[in-house]
């Protein structure tokens, strides 16, 4: 059995303290007064006109990456991917029949290095 006093002491240690700030205290803080309210809101969001990423995909995570690729394809006209597979091997026949043929059927021109 656990001593009730020990339980209560542990609960007190785990409690999160919340500080309540009044509206008056907020308005007295620098940058939160009437002067800040008068400023025109900045509706111009920062944007990127190019995204360039280089990363290794952990095994089993390719489907997660596909979601990001889909998002980027919706945001940009051109999406160019460089795929480098290493530390393994594939037969020439599989490469020709499964890789190159799949891309050919999709209408994707390969720029092989």
C-alpha atoms as a PDB file:
ATOM      1  CA  UNK A   1       0.000   0.000   0.000  1.00  0.00           C
ATOM      2  CA  UNK A   2       1.085   3.540  -0.700  1.00  0.00           C
ATOM      3  CA  UNK A   3       0.921   6.201   1.955  1.00  0.00           C
ATOM      4  CA  UNK A   4      -1.826   8.758   1.202  1.00  0.00           C
ATOM      5  CA  UNK A   5       0.437  11.651   2.179  1.00  0.00           C
ATOM      6  CA  UNK A   6       3.014  10.532  -0.405  1.00  0.00           C
ATOM      7  CA  UNK A   7       0.317  10.419  -3.087  1.00  0.00           C
ATOM      8  CA  UNK A   8      -0.851  13.937  -2.283  1.00  0.00           C
ATOM      9  CA  UNK A   9       2.725  15.233  -2.289  1.00  0.00           C
ATOM     10  CA  UNK A  10       3.317  13.636  -5.707  1.00  0.00           C
ATOM     11  CA  UNK A  11       0.103  15.157  -7.056  1.00  0.00           C
ATOM     12  CA  UNK A  12       1.183  18.615  -5.894  1.00  0.00           C
ATOM     13  CA  UNK A  13       4.486  18.203  -7.734  1.00  0.00           C
ATOM     14  CA  UNK A  14       2.686  17.195 -10.923  1.00  0.00           C
ATOM     15  CA  UNK A  15       0.147  20.027 -10.865  1.00  0.00           C
ATOM     16  CA  UNK A  16       0.603  22.658 -13.529  1.00  0.00           C
ATOM     17  CA  UNK A  17       0.383  26.221 -12.341  1.00  0.00           C
ATOM     18  CA  UNK A  18      -1.619  28.562 -14.571  1.00  0.00           C
ATOM     19  CA  UNK A  19      -1.172  32.302 -14.359  1.00  0.00           C
ATOM     20  CA  UNK A  20      -4.260  34.311 -15.228  1.00  0.00           C
ATOM     21  CA  UNK A  21      -3.508  37.598 -16.944  1.00  0.00           C
ATOM     22  CA  UNK A  22      -6.201  40.246 -16.993  1.00  0.00           C
ATOM     23  CA  UNK A  23      -7.056  42.360 -20.050  1.00  0.00           C
ATOM     24  CA  UNK A  24      -5.676  45.431 -18.248  1.00  0.00           C
ATOM     25  CA  UNK A  25      -2.342  43.676 -17.638  1.00  0.00           C
ATOM     26  CA  UNK A  26      -2.174  42.700 -21.305  1.00  0.00           C
ATOM     27  CA  UNK A  27      -2.877  46.256 -22.466  1.00  0.00           C
ATOM     28  CA  UNK A  28      -0.089  47.539 -20.205  1.00  0.00           C
ATOM     29  CA  UNK A  29       2.471  45.189 -21.782  1.00  0.00           C
ATOM     30  CA  UNK A  30       4.743  46.764 -24.419  1.00  0.00           C
ATOM     31  CA  UNK A  31       3.386  46.170 -27.902  1.00  0.00           C
ATOM     32  CA  UNK A  32      -0.098  45.221 -26.741  1.00  0.00           C
ATOM     33  CA  UNK A  33      -1.675  48.632 -26.304  1.00  0.00           C
ATOM     34  CA  UNK A  34      -3.779  50.870 -28.492  1.00  0.00           C
ATOM     35  CA  UNK A  35      -0.805  51.756 -30.710  1.00  0.00           C
ATOM     36  CA  UNK A  36      -0.544  48.130 -31.807  1.00  0.00           C
ATOM     37  CA  UNK A  37      -4.253  47.972 -32.550  1.00  0.00           C
ATOM     38  CA  UNK A  38      -3.990  50.982 -34.914  1.00  0.00           C
ATOM     39  CA  UNK A  39      -1.458  49.298 -37.200  1.00  0.00           C
ATOM     40  CA  UNK A  40      -2.682  47.954 -40.519  1.00  0.00           C
ATOM     41  CA  UNK A  41      -2.701  44.163 -40.571  1.00  0.00           C
ATOM     42  CA  UNK A  42      -0.087  42.578 -42.825  1.00  0.00           C
ATOM     43  CA  UNK A  43      -1.991  40.298 -45.178  1.00  0.00           C
ATOM     44  CA  UNK A  44       1.026  39.535 -47.353  1.00  0.00           C
ATOM     45  CA  UNK A  45       2.129  36.047 -46.408  1.00  0.00           C
ATOM     46  CA  UNK A  46       5.692  35.094 -47.181  1.00  0.00           C
ATOM     47  CA  UNK A  47       5.885  32.664 -50.062  1.00  0.00           C
ATOM     48  CA  UNK A  48       8.499  30.468 -51.721  1.00  0.00           C
ATOM     49  CA  UNK A  49       8.736  30.293 -55.484  1.00  0.00           C
ATOM     50  CA  UNK A  50      11.055  27.269 -55.405  1.00  0.00           C
ATOM     51  CA  UNK A  51      11.489  24.359 -53.024  1.00  0.00           C
ATOM     52  CA  UNK A  52      14.636  22.265 -53.203  1.00  0.00           C
ATOM     53  CA  UNK A  53      15.025  19.331 -50.804  1.00  0.00           C
ATOM     54  CA  UNK A  54      17.531  16.498 -50.562  1.00  0.00           C
ATOM     55  CA  UNK A  55      16.929  13.690 -48.087  1.00  0.00           C
ATOM     56  CA  UNK A  56      17.129   9.958 -47.529  1.00  0.00           C
ATOM     57  CA  UNK A  57      13.834   8.134 -47.209  1.00  0.00           C
ATOM     58  CA  UNK A  58      13.730   5.701 -44.265  1.00  0.00           C
ATOM     59  CA  UNK A  59      12.485   2.227 -45.150  1.00  0.00           C
ATOM     60  CA  UNK A  60       8.709   2.022 -44.965  1.00  0.00           C
ATOM     61  CA  UNK A  61       8.173   5.799 -45.168  1.00  0.00           C
ATOM     62  CA  UNK A  62       7.793   6.268 -48.926  1.00  0.00           C
ATOM     63  CA  UNK A  63       4.000   6.587 -48.692  1.00  0.00           C
ATOM     64  CA  UNK A  64       4.425   9.489 -46.253  1.00  0.00           C
ATOM     65  CA  UNK A  65       6.692  11.231 -48.749  1.00  0.00           C
ATOM     66  CA  UNK A  66       4.098  10.766 -51.492  1.00  0.00           C
ATOM     67  CA  UNK A  67       1.709  13.053 -49.600  1.00  0.00           C
ATOM     68  CA  UNK A  68       4.313  15.829 -49.581  1.00  0.00           C
ATOM     69  CA  UNK A  69       5.050  15.270 -53.269  1.00  0.00           C
ATOM     70  CA  UNK A  70       1.342  15.493 -54.070  1.00  0.00           C
ATOM     71  CA  UNK A  71       1.050  18.772 -52.146  1.00  0.00           C
ATOM     72  CA  UNK A  72       4.044  20.235 -53.967  1.00  0.00           C
ATOM     73  CA  UNK A  73       2.639  19.147 -57.330  1.00  0.00           C
ATOM     74  CA  UNK A  74      -0.584  20.997 -56.539  1.00  0.00           C
ATOM     75  CA  UNK A  75       1.326  24.177 -55.619  1.00  0.00           C
ATOM     76  CA  UNK A  76       3.908  24.258 -58.430  1.00  0.00           C
ATOM     77  CA  UNK A  77       3.700  23.848 -62.206  1.00  0.00           C
ATOM     78  CA  UNK A  78       6.907  21.835 -62.462  1.00  0.00           C
ATOM     79  CA  UNK A  79       7.973  19.091 -60.092  1.00  0.00           C
ATOM     80  CA  UNK A  80      11.334  17.517 -60.881  1.00  0.00           C
ATOM     81  CA  UNK A  81      12.558  14.541 -58.884  1.00  0.00           C
ATOM     82  CA  UNK A  82      16.038  13.060 -58.838  1.00  0.00           C
ATOM     83  CA  UNK A  83      15.976   9.523 -57.505  1.00  0.00           C
ATOM     84  CA  UNK A  84      19.207   7.861 -56.385  1.00  0.00           C
ATOM     85  CA  UNK A  85      19.003   4.254 -55.198  1.00  0.00           C
ATOM     86  CA  UNK A  86      22.182   2.782 -53.702  1.00  0.00           C
ATOM     87  CA  UNK A  87      23.505   0.110 -51.327  1.00  0.00           C
ATOM     88  CA  UNK A  88      21.721  -2.723 -53.141  1.00  0.00           C
ATOM     89  CA  UNK A  89      21.289  -4.027 -56.667  1.00  0.00           C
ATOM     90  CA  UNK A  90      18.735  -4.788 -59.387  1.00  0.00           C
ATOM     91  CA  UNK A  91      19.170  -6.932 -62.470  1.00  0.00           C
ATOM     92  CA  UNK A  92      19.437  -5.189 -65.833  1.00  0.00           C
ATOM     93  CA  UNK A  93      16.335  -7.109 -66.929  1.00  0.00           C
ATOM     94  CA  UNK A  94      14.256  -5.902 -63.944  1.00  0.00           C
ATOM     95  CA  UNK A  95      15.508  -2.365 -64.483  1.00  0.00           C
ATOM     96  CA  UNK A  96      14.463  -2.417 -68.138  1.00  0.00           C
ATOM     97  CA  UNK A  97      11.176  -4.304 -67.643  1.00  0.00           C
ATOM     98  CA  UNK A  98       9.921  -2.856 -64.364  1.00  0.00           C
ATOM     99  CA  UNK A  99      11.477   0.559 -63.925  1.00  0.00           C
ATOM    100  CA  UNK A 100      11.974   2.010 -67.386  1.00  0.00           C
ATOM    101  CA  UNK A 101       8.802   0.425 -68.800  1.00  0.00           C
ATOM    102  CA  UNK A 102       6.675   1.807 -65.964  1.00  0.00           C
ATOM    103  CA  UNK A 103       7.976   5.322 -66.568  1.00  0.00           C
ATOM    104  CA  UNK A 104       7.460   4.907 -70.341  1.00  0.00           C
ATOM    105  CA  UNK A 105       3.825   3.887 -69.759  1.00  0.00           C
ATOM    106  CA  UNK A 106       3.288   6.956 -67.574  1.00  0.00           C
ATOM    107  CA  UNK A 107       4.701   9.205 -70.280  1.00  0.00           C
ATOM    108  CA  UNK A 108       7.658  10.263 -68.142  1.00  0.00           C
ATOM    109  CA  UNK A 109      10.903  10.803 -69.997  1.00  0.00           C
ATOM    110  CA  UNK A 110      13.862   9.577 -67.976  1.00  0.00           C
ATOM    111  CA  UNK A 111      17.045  11.608 -67.911  1.00  0.00           C
ATOM    112  CA  UNK A 112      19.431   8.846 -66.906  1.00  0.00           C
ATOM    113  CA  UNK A 113      22.826   9.836 -65.562  1.00  0.00           C
END
